[in-house]
Amino acid sequence: MRALISREAGGPETLRLEQIPDPVAGPGQLAISIKACGVNFPDLLMIQDLYQVKAARPFSPGAEIAGFVSAVGEGVGDFVVGDRVIGRCGVGGMAEGIALDASKCTRIPGTMPFPDAAAFQFAYETSYYALVTRGRLKSDETVLVLGASGGVGVAATQVAKALGARVIAAVSSEEKLAFARIHGADDGLIYPASISQPPDSRELSRALKAAVGAAGADVIVDPVCGALAEPALRCIAERGRYLILGFTAGIAALPMNLPLLKSCDILGINWRTFTMSQPEENHSNRETLLQMYSRGKISPVITATFPLKRGGEAIARLKDRGAMGKIVVTN
C-alpha cells in the first residue's frame, strides 16, 4: 500500500510517498482501509520533532482516521469486516491502511461521510472535554473563543452554541470573523496579527471586555496563547474558567496576580492523556457528540481536501496559521 513517510526531521517538504507492506490485524486489533485522515497542528510539530511525543522513524503523520474495517484480529468481538469506523492512531493516518487497537475505534453513522468523520474526533472531543468535562459550561454563559476560525475554534463554537452558550469569536482578520459568524459565533472582534506589550495589549484587553460584556467571559477557550493570553485573561468573569488547549502563537508568561484578583481557574486541557486515563468517560463524550452530529447541532467545517500524494501540502497549510476550519487528506 501507499503511505506518506517521514524519514528525517523537517518540514512538509521532507515527506515522501512510498510503498510499504499492507497492515496485518494482530490480537485485539482491526485492519482499516483508510478513506480519510484529519490534519492537525501536532502533525506539523511531529514531523519536525517538536511535539511532546516523539514517533520512531520511519512513520506516517496523521492521528485521526476514518474508513472500513478490512480485517478483524483475534479476540475482537465488537467489530466485523465492513464496519465504518473512526480511529485515533497518533501516527500512521496518511496511508491507505492501518492496523489499530479496536479500543481506539468507534463505529460511525452510515450517513456520516468519511471526511466529516476524519475531521471529528480531535477538534470536537477536545472541545467537549474542555468546555464540559473541565470547563463546567452552563447554558446562558458567555464563551470567548480565541482563534475561532481554526478547526478547534469552530468546533468549540459549535459545541458551546449547542449547549446554549453565547459565543464571542476572536480572530485575526475580517475574513476569519465572517467565517466564525457563519459557523455559529454570536459576535466577535479582530485582534492584531502581532501584539506587542503595552499599549497594544491594554487596548486589546479593553476591546475584549467590550465584546464579552461588563460581567466578563465565563469561559475562555485558548488554543492560541502567546501574546493574546494576558489580554484575554483580563476580561474573564469572576469565577471564570480559562482553558488552555495549545500554543500556536507561543507559550505565554502570565501575571499570577490575575487569577487571584479574578478568582478564576486556569485549566490545562490535555485531551490525549484524558483518552488514556479515562477512556470510558471519553467514550461517553464521543457518543454525546455523535448524537449532536446526527441531530444537526454540530458538523465539521472542511475547507480543503488533498489526495494522499499531496498530504505534505495539506500539513503545510497549517504553518502560517492561516487555515480556516479543517483540512482532510483522502484516499
C-alpha atoms as a PDB file:
ATOM      1  CA  MET A   1       0.000   0.000   0.000  1.00  0.00           C
ATOM      2  CA  ARG A   2       0.990   3.660  -0.305  1.00  0.00           C
ATOM      3  CA  ALA A   3       1.919   5.828   2.652  1.00  0.00           C
ATOM      4  CA  LEU A   4       3.347   9.304   3.164  1.00  0.00           C
ATOM      5  CA  ILE A   5       6.572   8.726   5.085  1.00  0.00           C
ATOM      6  CA  SER A   6       8.747  10.885   7.349  1.00  0.00           C
ATOM      7  CA  ARG A   7      12.341   9.587   7.421  1.00  0.00           C
ATOM      8  CA  GLU A   8      14.035  12.717   8.749  1.00  0.00           C
ATOM      9  CA  ALA A   9      13.043  15.670  10.918  1.00  0.00           C
ATOM     10  CA  GLY A  10      11.901  18.599   8.838  1.00  0.00           C
ATOM     11  CA  GLY A  11       9.006  20.414   7.223  1.00  0.00           C
ATOM     12  CA  PRO A  12       6.270  19.006   4.993  1.00  0.00           C
ATOM     13  CA  GLU A  13       8.636  19.066   2.009  1.00  0.00           C
ATOM     14  CA  THR A  14      10.614  16.187   3.578  1.00  0.00           C
ATOM     15  CA  LEU A  15       7.665  13.753   3.329  1.00  0.00           C
ATOM     16  CA  ARG A  16       7.776  11.108   0.576  1.00  0.00           C
ATOM     17  CA  LEU A  17       5.083   8.847  -0.858  1.00  0.00           C
ATOM     18  CA  GLU A  18       6.307   5.253  -0.584  1.00  0.00           C
ATOM     19  CA  GLN A  19       5.116   1.668  -0.922  1.00  0.00           C
ATOM     20  CA  ILE A  20       5.035  -0.186   2.410  1.00  0.00           C
ATOM     21  CA  PRO A  21       3.607  -3.588   3.471  1.00  0.00           C
ATOM     22  CA  ASP A  22      -0.135  -3.874   3.965  1.00  0.00           C
ATOM     23  CA  PRO A  23      -1.217  -3.783   7.622  1.00  0.00           C
ATOM     24  CA  VAL A  24      -1.989  -7.028   9.455  1.00  0.00           C
ATOM     25  CA  ALA A  25      -4.506  -7.070  12.285  1.00  0.00           C
ATOM     26  CA  GLY A  26      -2.860  -8.533  15.385  1.00  0.00           C
ATOM     27  CA  PRO A  27      -4.665  -9.726  18.508  1.00  0.00           C
ATOM     28  CA  GLY A  28      -7.135  -7.099  19.668  1.00  0.00           C
ATOM     29  CA  GLN A  29      -6.660  -5.058  16.514  1.00  0.00           C
ATOM     30  CA  LEU A  30      -8.556  -4.021  13.403  1.00  0.00           C
ATOM     31  CA  ALA A  31      -7.058  -3.593   9.955  1.00  0.00           C
ATOM     32  CA  ILE A  32      -8.668  -0.493   8.472  1.00  0.00           C
ATOM     33  CA  SER A  33      -8.823   0.669   4.881  1.00  0.00           C
ATOM     34  CA  ILE A  34      -8.349   4.406   5.359  1.00  0.00           C
ATOM     35  CA  LYS A  35     -10.637   6.681   3.354  1.00  0.00           C
ATOM     36  CA  ALA A  36      -9.868   9.994   5.068  1.00  0.00           C
ATOM     37  CA  CYS A  37      -7.375  11.429   7.566  1.00  0.00           C
ATOM     38  CA  GLY A  38      -7.810  14.662   9.505  1.00  0.00           C
ATOM     39  CA  VAL A  39      -4.897  17.124   9.515  1.00  0.00           C
ATOM     40  CA  ASN A  40      -3.975  18.742  12.838  1.00  0.00           C
ATOM     41  CA  PHE A  41      -1.328  21.156  14.098  1.00  0.00           C
ATOM     42  CA  PRO A  42       0.501  18.388  16.019  1.00  0.00           C
ATOM     43  CA  ASP A  43       1.172  16.695  12.651  1.00  0.00           C
ATOM     44  CA  LEU A  44       3.318  19.679  11.680  1.00  0.00           C
ATOM     45  CA  LEU A  45       5.145  19.561  15.014  1.00  0.00           C
ATOM     46  CA  MET A  46       5.567  15.785  14.910  1.00  0.00           C
ATOM     47  CA  ILE A  47       7.437  15.680  11.596  1.00  0.00           C
ATOM     48  CA  GLN A  48       9.825  18.353  12.910  1.00  0.00           C
ATOM     49  CA  ASP A  49      10.452  16.511  16.210  1.00  0.00           C
ATOM     50  CA  LEU A  50       8.890  19.478  18.033  1.00  0.00           C
ATOM     51  CA  TYR A  51       5.929  17.661  19.600  1.00  0.00           C
ATOM     52  CA  GLN A  52       5.991  16.449  23.212  1.00  0.00           C
ATOM     53  CA  VAL A  53       5.504  12.874  21.976  1.00  0.00           C
ATOM     54  CA  LYS A  54       8.205  11.596  19.630  1.00  0.00           C
ATOM     55  CA  ALA A  55       7.471   8.936  16.997  1.00  0.00           C
ATOM     56  CA  ALA A  56      10.070   6.382  15.905  1.00  0.00           C
ATOM     57  CA  ARG A  57      11.005   6.823  12.258  1.00  0.00           C
ATOM     58  CA  PRO A  58      10.008   5.987   9.656  1.00  0.00           C
ATOM     59  CA  PHE A  59       6.390   6.957  10.299  1.00  0.00           C
ATOM     60  CA  SER A  60       3.404   8.453   8.541  1.00  0.00           C
ATOM     61  CA  PRO A  61       1.866  11.607  10.041  1.00  0.00           C
ATOM     62  CA  GLY A  62      -1.860  11.711  10.696  1.00  0.00           C
ATOM     63  CA  ALA A  63      -3.523  10.970  14.032  1.00  0.00           C
ATOM     64  CA  GLU A  64      -7.261  10.606  13.255  1.00  0.00           C
ATOM     65  CA  ILE A  65      -8.669   8.414  10.515  1.00  0.00           C
ATOM     66  CA  ALA A  66     -11.920   7.115   9.086  1.00  0.00           C
ATOM     67  CA  GLY A  67     -12.513   4.088   6.893  1.00  0.00           C
ATOM     68  CA  PHE A  68     -13.763   0.490   6.564  1.00  0.00           C
ATOM     69  CA  VAL A  69     -12.714  -2.455   8.691  1.00  0.00           C
ATOM     70  CA  SER A  70     -10.875  -4.794   6.298  1.00  0.00           C
ATOM     71  CA  ALA A  71      -9.849  -7.491   8.806  1.00  0.00           C
ATOM     72  CA  VAL A  72     -10.532  -8.341  12.455  1.00  0.00           C
ATOM     73  CA  GLY A  73      -7.800  -9.612  14.750  1.00  0.00           C
ATOM     74  CA  GLU A  74      -8.033 -12.425  17.273  1.00  0.00           C
ATOM     75  CA  GLY A  75     -10.095 -11.621  20.337  1.00  0.00           C
ATOM     76  CA  VAL A  76     -12.082  -8.754  18.800  1.00  0.00           C
ATOM     77  CA  GLY A  77     -15.803  -9.386  19.139  1.00  0.00           C
ATOM     78  CA  ASP A  78     -17.346  -5.952  18.695  1.00  0.00           C
ATOM     79  CA  PHE A  79     -16.490  -5.292  15.030  1.00  0.00           C
ATOM     80  CA  VAL A  80     -16.939  -7.083  11.714  1.00  0.00           C
ATOM     81  CA  VAL A  81     -15.400  -6.633   8.291  1.00  0.00           C
ATOM     82  CA  GLY A  82     -17.123  -3.751   6.516  1.00  0.00           C
ATOM     83  CA  ASP A  83     -17.894  -1.689   9.605  1.00  0.00           C
ATOM     84  CA  ARG A  84     -17.438   2.057   9.074  1.00  0.00           C
ATOM     85  CA  VAL A  85     -15.207   3.406  11.843  1.00  0.00           C
ATOM     86  CA  ILE A  86     -13.179   6.303  13.140  1.00  0.00           C
ATOM     87  CA  GLY A  87      -9.926   5.763  14.988  1.00  0.00           C
ATOM     88  CA  ARG A  88      -7.237   7.565  16.990  1.00  0.00           C
ATOM     89  CA  CYS A  89      -3.817   6.453  15.836  1.00  0.00           C
ATOM     90  CA  GLY A  90      -1.284   9.117  16.879  1.00  0.00           C
ATOM     91  CA  VAL A  91       0.679   8.486  13.694  1.00  0.00           C
ATOM     92  CA  GLY A  92       0.110   6.368  10.594  1.00  0.00           C
ATOM     93  CA  GLY A  93      -3.024   8.068   9.288  1.00  0.00           C
ATOM     94  CA  MET A  94      -1.671   9.353   5.976  1.00  0.00           C
ATOM     95  CA  ALA A  95      -1.629   5.935   4.375  1.00  0.00           C
ATOM     96  CA  GLU A  96      -4.022   3.609   2.580  1.00  0.00           C
ATOM     97  CA  GLY A  97      -4.375   1.323   5.578  1.00  0.00           C
ATOM     98  CA  ILE A  98      -3.500   0.829   9.234  1.00  0.00           C
ATOM     99  CA  ALA A  99      -3.681  -1.798  11.998  1.00  0.00           C
ATOM    100  CA  LEU A 100      -5.148  -0.217  15.111  1.00  0.00           C
ATOM    101  CA  ASP A 101      -6.265  -1.412  18.545  1.00  0.00           C
ATOM    102  CA  ALA A 102     -10.008  -1.965  18.491  1.00  0.00           C
ATOM    103  CA  SER A 103     -10.280   0.025  21.737  1.00  0.00           C
ATOM    104  CA  LYS A 104      -9.267   3.132  19.784  1.00  0.00           C
ATOM    105  CA  CYS A 105     -12.010   2.688  17.177  1.00  0.00           C
ATOM    106  CA  THR A 106     -15.694   3.614  17.116  1.00  0.00           C
ATOM    107  CA  ARG A 107     -18.439   2.887  14.614  1.00  0.00           C
ATOM    108  CA  ILE A 108     -19.889   5.910  12.849  1.00  0.00           C
ATOM    109  CA  PRO A 109     -23.388   6.515  11.478  1.00  0.00           C
ATOM    110  CA  GLY A 110     -23.978   5.315   7.940  1.00  0.00           C
ATOM    111  CA  THR A 111     -24.956   8.862   6.975  1.00  0.00           C
ATOM    112  CA  MET A 112     -21.639  10.368   8.168  1.00  0.00           C
ATOM    113  CA  PRO A 113     -19.255  10.995   5.238  1.00  0.00           C
ATOM    114  CA  PHE A 114     -15.711   9.785   5.813  1.00  0.00           C
ATOM    115  CA  PRO A 115     -14.189  13.299   5.542  1.00  0.00           C
ATOM    116  CA  ASP A 116     -16.568  14.510   8.279  1.00  0.00           C
ATOM    117  CA  ALA A 117     -15.655  11.505  10.406  1.00  0.00           C
ATOM    118  CA  ALA A 118     -11.911  12.062   9.949  1.00  0.00           C
ATOM    119  CA  ALA A 119     -12.274  15.708  10.998  1.00  0.00           C
ATOM    120  CA  PHE A 120     -14.433  14.901  14.009  1.00  0.00           C
ATOM    121  CA  GLN A 121     -12.544  13.371  16.887  1.00  0.00           C
ATOM    122  CA  PHE A 122      -9.670  15.704  17.710  1.00  0.00           C
ATOM    123  CA  ALA A 123     -11.491  19.007  17.312  1.00  0.00           C
ATOM    124  CA  TYR A 124     -14.865  18.060  18.797  1.00  0.00           C
ATOM    125  CA  GLU A 125     -13.745  15.681  21.529  1.00  0.00           C
ATOM    126  CA  THR A 126     -11.103  18.157  22.662  1.00  0.00           C
ATOM    127  CA  SER A 127     -13.671  20.967  22.655  1.00  0.00           C
ATOM    128  CA  TYR A 128     -16.290  18.972  24.542  1.00  0.00           C
ATOM    129  CA  TYR A 129     -13.743  17.765  27.095  1.00  0.00           C
ATOM    130  CA  ALA A 130     -12.566  21.353  27.546  1.00  0.00           C
ATOM    131  CA  LEU A 131     -15.967  23.022  27.758  1.00  0.00           C
ATOM    132  CA  VAL A 132     -17.970  20.393  29.640  1.00  0.00           C
ATOM    133  CA  THR A 133     -15.722  17.953  31.492  1.00  0.00           C
ATOM    134  CA  ARG A 134     -13.177  20.564  32.590  1.00  0.00           C
ATOM    135  CA  GLY A 135     -14.885  23.910  31.978  1.00  0.00           C
ATOM    136  CA  ARG A 136     -18.256  23.048  33.566  1.00  0.00           C
ATOM    137  CA  LEU A 137     -20.059  25.144  30.958  1.00  0.00           C
ATOM    138  CA  LYS A 138     -23.640  26.115  31.731  1.00  0.00           C
ATOM    139  CA  SER A 139     -26.297  27.329  29.324  1.00  0.00           C
ATOM    140  CA  ASP A 140     -26.544  31.117  29.023  1.00  0.00           C
ATOM    141  CA  GLU A 141     -22.880  31.598  29.954  1.00  0.00           C
ATOM    142  CA  THR A 142     -20.570  33.657  27.736  1.00  0.00           C
ATOM    143  CA  VAL A 143     -17.722  31.853  25.983  1.00  0.00           C
ATOM    144  CA  LEU A 144     -14.800  33.679  24.374  1.00  0.00           C
ATOM    145  CA  VAL A 145     -13.057  31.568  21.710  1.00  0.00           C
ATOM    146  CA  LEU A 146      -9.583  32.672  20.604  1.00  0.00           C
ATOM    147  CA  GLY A 147      -8.560  31.540  17.121  1.00  0.00           C
ATOM    148  CA  ALA A 148     -12.237  30.912  16.479  1.00  0.00           C
ATOM    149  CA  SER A 149     -11.857  30.244  12.748  1.00  0.00           C
ATOM    150  CA  GLY A 150      -9.495  27.276  13.196  1.00  0.00           C
ATOM    151  CA  GLY A 151     -10.515  23.635  13.459  1.00  0.00           C
ATOM    152  CA  VAL A 152     -10.711  23.581  17.260  1.00  0.00           C
ATOM    153  CA  GLY A 153     -12.123  27.111  17.323  1.00  0.00           C
ATOM    154  CA  VAL A 154     -15.040  26.241  15.045  1.00  0.00           C
ATOM    155  CA  ALA A 155     -15.711  23.032  16.972  1.00  0.00           C
ATOM    156  CA  ALA A 156     -15.678  24.866  20.315  1.00  0.00           C
ATOM    157  CA  THR A 157     -18.038  27.483  18.906  1.00  0.00           C
ATOM    158  CA  GLN A 158     -20.494  24.866  17.663  1.00  0.00           C
ATOM    159  CA  VAL A 159     -20.391  22.807  20.850  1.00  0.00           C
ATOM    160  CA  ALA A 160     -20.840  25.873  23.064  1.00  0.00           C
ATOM    161  CA  LYS A 161     -23.781  27.080  20.959  1.00  0.00           C
ATOM    162  CA  ALA A 162     -25.371  23.623  21.024  1.00  0.00           C
ATOM    163  CA  LEU A 163     -25.176  23.763  24.825  1.00  0.00           C
ATOM    164  CA  GLY A 164     -26.912  27.145  24.971  1.00  0.00           C
ATOM    165  CA  ALA A 165     -23.956  29.491  25.460  1.00  0.00           C
ATOM    166  CA  ARG A 166     -23.311  32.915  23.947  1.00  0.00           C
ATOM    167  CA  VAL A 167     -20.122  32.763  21.870  1.00  0.00           C
ATOM    168  CA  ILE A 168     -17.737  35.627  21.121  1.00  0.00           C
ATOM    169  CA  ALA A 169     -15.146  34.890  18.425  1.00  0.00           C
ATOM    170  CA  ALA A 170     -11.677  36.453  18.498  1.00  0.00           C
ATOM    171  CA  VAL A 171      -9.798  36.204  15.181  1.00  0.00           C
ATOM    172  CA  SER A 172      -7.066  37.962  13.211  1.00  0.00           C
ATOM    173  CA  SER A 173      -8.926  39.144  10.065  1.00  0.00           C
ATOM    174  CA  GLU A 174     -12.268  40.292   8.689  1.00  0.00           C
ATOM    175  CA  GLU A 175     -12.446  37.125   6.574  1.00  0.00           C
ATOM    176  CA  LYS A 176     -11.989  34.931   9.624  1.00  0.00           C
ATOM    177  CA  LEU A 177     -14.563  36.891  11.610  1.00  0.00           C
ATOM    178  CA  ALA A 178     -17.141  36.441   8.855  1.00  0.00           C
ATOM    179  CA  PHE A 179     -16.280  32.730   8.782  1.00  0.00           C
ATOM    180  CA  ALA A 180     -16.701  32.413  12.555  1.00  0.00           C
ATOM    181  CA  ARG A 181     -20.063  34.164  12.452  1.00  0.00           C
ATOM    182  CA  ILE A 182     -21.320  31.926   9.640  1.00  0.00           C
ATOM    183  CA  HIS A 183     -20.477  28.912  11.769  1.00  0.00           C
ATOM    184  CA  GLY A 184     -22.185  29.983  14.965  1.00  0.00           C
ATOM    185  CA  ALA A 185     -20.454  32.872  16.724  1.00  0.00           C
ATOM    186  CA  ASP A 186     -22.873  35.485  18.096  1.00  0.00           C
ATOM    187  CA  ASP A 187     -20.380  38.301  17.818  1.00  0.00           C
ATOM    188  CA  GLY A 188     -16.657  38.848  17.673  1.00  0.00           C
ATOM    189  CA  LEU A 189     -13.650  41.066  17.226  1.00  0.00           C
ATOM    190  CA  ILE A 190     -10.395  41.207  15.298  1.00  0.00           C
ATOM    191  CA  TYR A 191      -7.105  41.189  17.179  1.00  0.00           C
ATOM    192  CA  PRO A 192      -3.833  42.407  15.636  1.00  0.00           C
ATOM    193  CA  ALA A 193      -1.798  39.846  13.715  1.00  0.00           C
ATOM    194  CA  SER A 194       1.102  40.700  16.036  1.00  0.00           C
ATOM    195  CA  ILE A 195       0.661  42.053  19.541  1.00  0.00           C
ATOM    196  CA  SER A 196       3.370  43.964  21.365  1.00  0.00           C
ATOM    197  CA  GLN A 197       3.497  44.858  25.024  1.00  0.00           C
ATOM    198  CA  PRO A 198       1.515  47.883  26.311  1.00  0.00           C
ATOM    199  CA  PRO A 199      -0.142  49.916  24.946  1.00  0.00           C
ATOM    200  CA  ASP A 200      -1.273  47.319  22.365  1.00  0.00           C
ATOM    201  CA  SER A 201      -2.124  44.662  24.961  1.00  0.00           C
ATOM    202  CA  ARG A 202      -4.118  47.145  27.084  1.00  0.00           C
ATOM    203  CA  GLU A 203      -6.078  48.297  24.038  1.00  0.00           C
ATOM    204  CA  LEU A 204      -6.833  44.690  23.098  1.00  0.00           C
ATOM    205  CA  SER A 205      -7.940  43.933  26.644  1.00  0.00           C
ATOM    206  CA  ARG A 206     -10.385  46.848  26.507  1.00  0.00           C
ATOM    207  CA  ALA A 207     -11.732  45.605  23.163  1.00  0.00           C
ATOM    208  CA  LEU A 208     -12.189  42.088  24.529  1.00  0.00           C
ATOM    209  CA  LYS A 209     -14.002  43.413  27.619  1.00  0.00           C
ATOM    210  CA  ALA A 210     -16.331  45.441  25.401  1.00  0.00           C
ATOM    211  CA  ALA A 211     -17.048  42.372  23.242  1.00  0.00           C
ATOM    212  CA  VAL A 212     -17.831  39.932  26.055  1.00  0.00           C
ATOM    213  CA  GLY A 213     -19.740  42.460  28.191  1.00  0.00           C
ATOM    214  CA  ALA A 214     -19.347  44.033  31.593  1.00  0.00           C
ATOM    215  CA  ALA A 215     -19.630  40.751  33.505  1.00  0.00           C
ATOM    216  CA  GLY A 216     -16.742  39.205  31.550  1.00  0.00           C
ATOM    217  CA  ALA A 217     -16.340  35.850  29.827  1.00  0.00           C
ATOM    218  CA  ASP A 218     -17.393  32.882  31.934  1.00  0.00           C
ATOM    219  CA  VAL A 219     -15.246  30.534  29.843  1.00  0.00           C
ATOM    220  CA  ILE A 220     -12.278  31.326  27.594  1.00  0.00           C
ATOM    221  CA  VAL A 221     -11.129  28.738  25.044  1.00  0.00           C
ATOM    222  CA  ASP A 222      -7.496  29.354  24.090  1.00  0.00           C
ATOM    223  CA  PRO A 223      -5.704  27.166  21.522  1.00  0.00           C
ATOM    224  CA  VAL A 224      -3.519  30.163  20.536  1.00  0.00           C
ATOM    225  CA  CYS A 225      -1.873  31.555  23.705  1.00  0.00           C
ATOM    226  CA  GLY A 226       1.200  33.765  23.050  1.00  0.00           C
ATOM    227  CA  ALA A 227       0.634  37.496  23.465  1.00  0.00           C
ATOM    228  CA  LEU A 228      -3.155  37.016  23.369  1.00  0.00           C
ATOM    229  CA  ALA A 229      -3.295  35.203  26.684  1.00  0.00           C
ATOM    230  CA  GLU A 230      -2.838  38.070  29.130  1.00  0.00           C
ATOM    231  CA  PRO A 231      -5.326  40.495  27.482  1.00  0.00           C
ATOM    232  CA  ALA A 232      -7.841  37.645  27.289  1.00  0.00           C
ATOM    233  CA  LEU A 233      -7.355  36.666  30.917  1.00  0.00           C
ATOM    234  CA  ARG A 234      -8.023  40.279  31.944  1.00  0.00           C
ATOM    235  CA  CYS A 235     -11.558  40.023  30.506  1.00  0.00           C
ATOM    236  CA  ILE A 236     -12.539  36.851  32.359  1.00  0.00           C
ATOM    237  CA  ALA A 237     -15.520  36.873  34.711  1.00  0.00           C
ATOM    238  CA  GLU A 238     -15.368  36.285  38.446  1.00  0.00           C
ATOM    239  CA  ARG A 239     -15.042  32.504  38.932  1.00  0.00           C
ATOM    240  CA  GLY A 240     -14.435  32.140  35.201  1.00  0.00           C
ATOM    241  CA  ARG A 241     -12.547  29.236  33.623  1.00  0.00           C
ATOM    242  CA  TYR A 242      -9.585  29.839  31.290  1.00  0.00           C
ATOM    243  CA  LEU A 243      -8.998  26.730  29.150  1.00  0.00           C
ATOM    244  CA  ILE A 244      -5.517  26.292  27.679  1.00  0.00           C
ATOM    245  CA  LEU A 245      -5.656  23.992  24.641  1.00  0.00           C
ATOM    246  CA  GLY A 246      -2.465  24.826  22.780  1.00  0.00           C
ATOM    247  CA  PHE A 247       0.249  27.266  21.825  1.00  0.00           C
ATOM    248  CA  THR A 248       0.049  28.005  18.089  1.00  0.00           C
ATOM    249  CA  ALA A 249       1.303  31.561  18.838  1.00  0.00           C
ATOM    250  CA  GLY A 250       3.790  30.504  21.510  1.00  0.00           C
ATOM    251  CA  ILE A 251       3.813  29.866  25.255  1.00  0.00           C
ATOM    252  CA  ALA A 252       2.690  32.782  27.400  1.00  0.00           C
ATOM    253  CA  ALA A 253       4.031  34.075  30.728  1.00  0.00           C
ATOM    254  CA  LEU A 254       1.006  35.215  32.732  1.00  0.00           C
ATOM    255  CA  PRO A 255       0.993  37.537  35.790  1.00  0.00           C
ATOM    256  CA  MET A 256      -0.134  35.242  38.597  1.00  0.00           C
ATOM    257  CA  ASN A 257      -1.916  38.043  40.408  1.00  0.00           C
ATOM    258  CA  LEU A 258      -4.670  37.942  37.782  1.00  0.00           C
ATOM    259  CA  PRO A 259      -6.157  34.549  38.781  1.00  0.00           C
ATOM    260  CA  LEU A 260      -6.223  35.770  42.386  1.00  0.00           C
ATOM    261  CA  LEU A 261      -7.884  39.096  41.545  1.00  0.00           C
ATOM    262  CA  LYS A 262     -10.435  37.386  39.284  1.00  0.00           C
ATOM    263  CA  SER A 263     -10.991  34.326  41.496  1.00  0.00           C
ATOM    264  CA  CYS A 264     -10.750  32.337  38.269  1.00  0.00           C
ATOM    265  CA  ASP A 265      -9.399  28.941  37.260  1.00  0.00           C
ATOM    266  CA  ILE A 266      -6.673  28.339  34.679  1.00  0.00           C
ATOM    267  CA  LEU A 267      -7.126  24.810  33.375  1.00  0.00           C
ATOM    268  CA  GLY A 268      -4.787  22.786  31.177  1.00  0.00           C
ATOM    269  CA  ILE A 269      -6.659  20.725  28.578  1.00  0.00           C
ATOM    270  CA  ASN A 270      -4.734  17.586  27.613  1.00  0.00           C
ATOM    271  CA  TRP A 271      -7.292  15.523  25.740  1.00  0.00           C
ATOM    272  CA  ARG A 272      -4.693  12.912  24.709  1.00  0.00           C
ATOM    273  CA  THR A 273      -3.946  11.891  28.295  1.00  0.00           C
ATOM    274  CA  PHE A 274      -7.670  12.037  29.156  1.00  0.00           C
ATOM    275  CA  THR A 275      -8.390   9.428  26.457  1.00  0.00           C
ATOM    276  CA  MET A 276      -5.793   7.130  28.047  1.00  0.00           C
ATOM    277  CA  SER A 277      -6.584   7.657  31.732  1.00  0.00           C
ATOM    278  CA  GLN A 278     -10.392   7.881  31.464  1.00  0.00           C
ATOM    279  CA  PRO A 279     -11.396   6.005  28.294  1.00  0.00           C
ATOM    280  CA  GLU A 280     -14.948   5.292  29.447  1.00  0.00           C
ATOM    281  CA  GLU A 281     -15.700   8.964  30.118  1.00  0.00           C
ATOM    282  CA  ASN A 282     -14.135   9.912  26.790  1.00  0.00           C
ATOM    283  CA  HIS A 283     -16.296   7.287  25.063  1.00  0.00           C
ATOM    284  CA  SER A 284     -19.381   8.763  26.718  1.00  0.00           C
ATOM    285  CA  ASN A 285     -18.380  12.235  25.495  1.00  0.00           C
ATOM    286  CA  ARG A 286     -17.937  10.874  21.966  1.00  0.00           C
ATOM    287  CA  GLU A 287     -21.352   9.229  21.963  1.00  0.00           C
ATOM    288  CA  THR A 288     -22.923  12.526  23.044  1.00  0.00           C
ATOM    289  CA  LEU A 289     -21.105  14.323  20.224  1.00  0.00           C
ATOM    290  CA  LEU A 290     -22.198  11.760  17.626  1.00  0.00           C
ATOM    291  CA  GLN A 291     -25.796  12.294  18.766  1.00  0.00           C
ATOM    292  CA  MET A 292     -25.324  16.055  18.423  1.00  0.00           C
ATOM    293  CA  TYR A 293     -23.956  15.471  14.905  1.00  0.00           C
ATOM    294  CA  SER A 294     -26.895  13.250  13.953  1.00  0.00           C
ATOM    295  CA  ARG A 295     -29.302  15.972  15.145  1.00  0.00           C
ATOM    296  CA  GLY A 296     -27.502  18.599  13.061  1.00  0.00           C
ATOM    297  CA  LYS A 297     -26.262  20.558  16.088  1.00  0.00           C
ATOM    298  CA  ILE A 298     -22.588  20.261  15.092  1.00  0.00           C
ATOM    299  CA  SER A 299     -20.833  19.497  11.824  1.00  0.00           C
ATOM    300  CA  PRO A 300     -17.152  19.627  10.811  1.00  0.00           C
ATOM    301  CA  VAL A 301     -16.319  22.560   8.546  1.00  0.00           C
ATOM    302  CA  ILE A 302     -13.920  21.173   5.945  1.00  0.00           C
ATOM    303  CA  THR A 303     -12.376  23.923   3.845  1.00  0.00           C
ATOM    304  CA  ALA A 304      -9.825  21.891   1.864  1.00  0.00           C
ATOM    305  CA  THR A 305      -9.182  18.273   0.882  1.00  0.00           C
ATOM    306  CA  PHE A 306      -5.991  16.830  -0.584  1.00  0.00           C
ATOM    307  CA  PRO A 307      -5.201  13.428  -2.092  1.00  0.00           C
ATOM    308  CA  LEU A 308      -2.683  11.288  -0.225  1.00  0.00           C
ATOM    309  CA  LYS A 309       0.169  12.152  -2.573  1.00  0.00           C
ATOM    310  CA  ARG A 310      -0.292  15.833  -1.638  1.00  0.00           C
ATOM    311  CA  GLY A 311      -0.523  15.251   2.107  1.00  0.00           C
ATOM    312  CA  GLY A 312       2.586  17.367   2.665  1.00  0.00           C
ATOM    313  CA  GLU A 313       0.782  20.332   1.121  1.00  0.00           C
ATOM    314  CA  ALA A 314      -2.135  19.748   3.490  1.00  0.00           C
ATOM    315  CA  ILE A 315       0.172  19.919   6.520  1.00  0.00           C
ATOM    316  CA  ALA A 316       1.937  22.980   5.085  1.00  0.00           C
ATOM    317  CA  ARG A 317      -1.398  24.855   5.156  1.00  0.00           C
ATOM    318  CA  LEU A 318      -1.077  24.936   8.956  1.00  0.00           C
ATOM    319  CA  LYS A 319       2.357  26.587   9.026  1.00  0.00           C
ATOM    320  CA  ASP A 320       1.237  30.208   8.840  1.00  0.00           C
ATOM    321  CA  ARG A 321      -1.932  29.759  10.973  1.00  0.00           C
ATOM    322  CA  GLY A 322      -3.975  30.981   8.015  1.00  0.00           C
ATOM    323  CA  ALA A 323      -6.085  27.860   7.543  1.00  0.00           C
ATOM    324  CA  MET A 324      -9.757  28.070   8.469  1.00  0.00           C
ATOM    325  CA  GLY A 325     -11.839  25.084   9.556  1.00  0.00           C
ATOM    326  CA  LYS A 326     -10.459  21.612   8.991  1.00  0.00           C
ATOM    327  CA  ILE A 327      -8.230  20.125   6.297  1.00  0.00           C
ATOM    328  CA  VAL A 328      -8.561  16.457   5.303  1.00  0.00           C
ATOM    329  CA  VAL A 329      -6.424  14.039   3.281  1.00  0.00           C
ATOM    330  CA  THR A 330      -8.424  11.458   1.313  1.00  0.00           C
ATOM    331  CA  ASN A 331      -7.825   8.139  -0.441  1.00  0.00           C
END
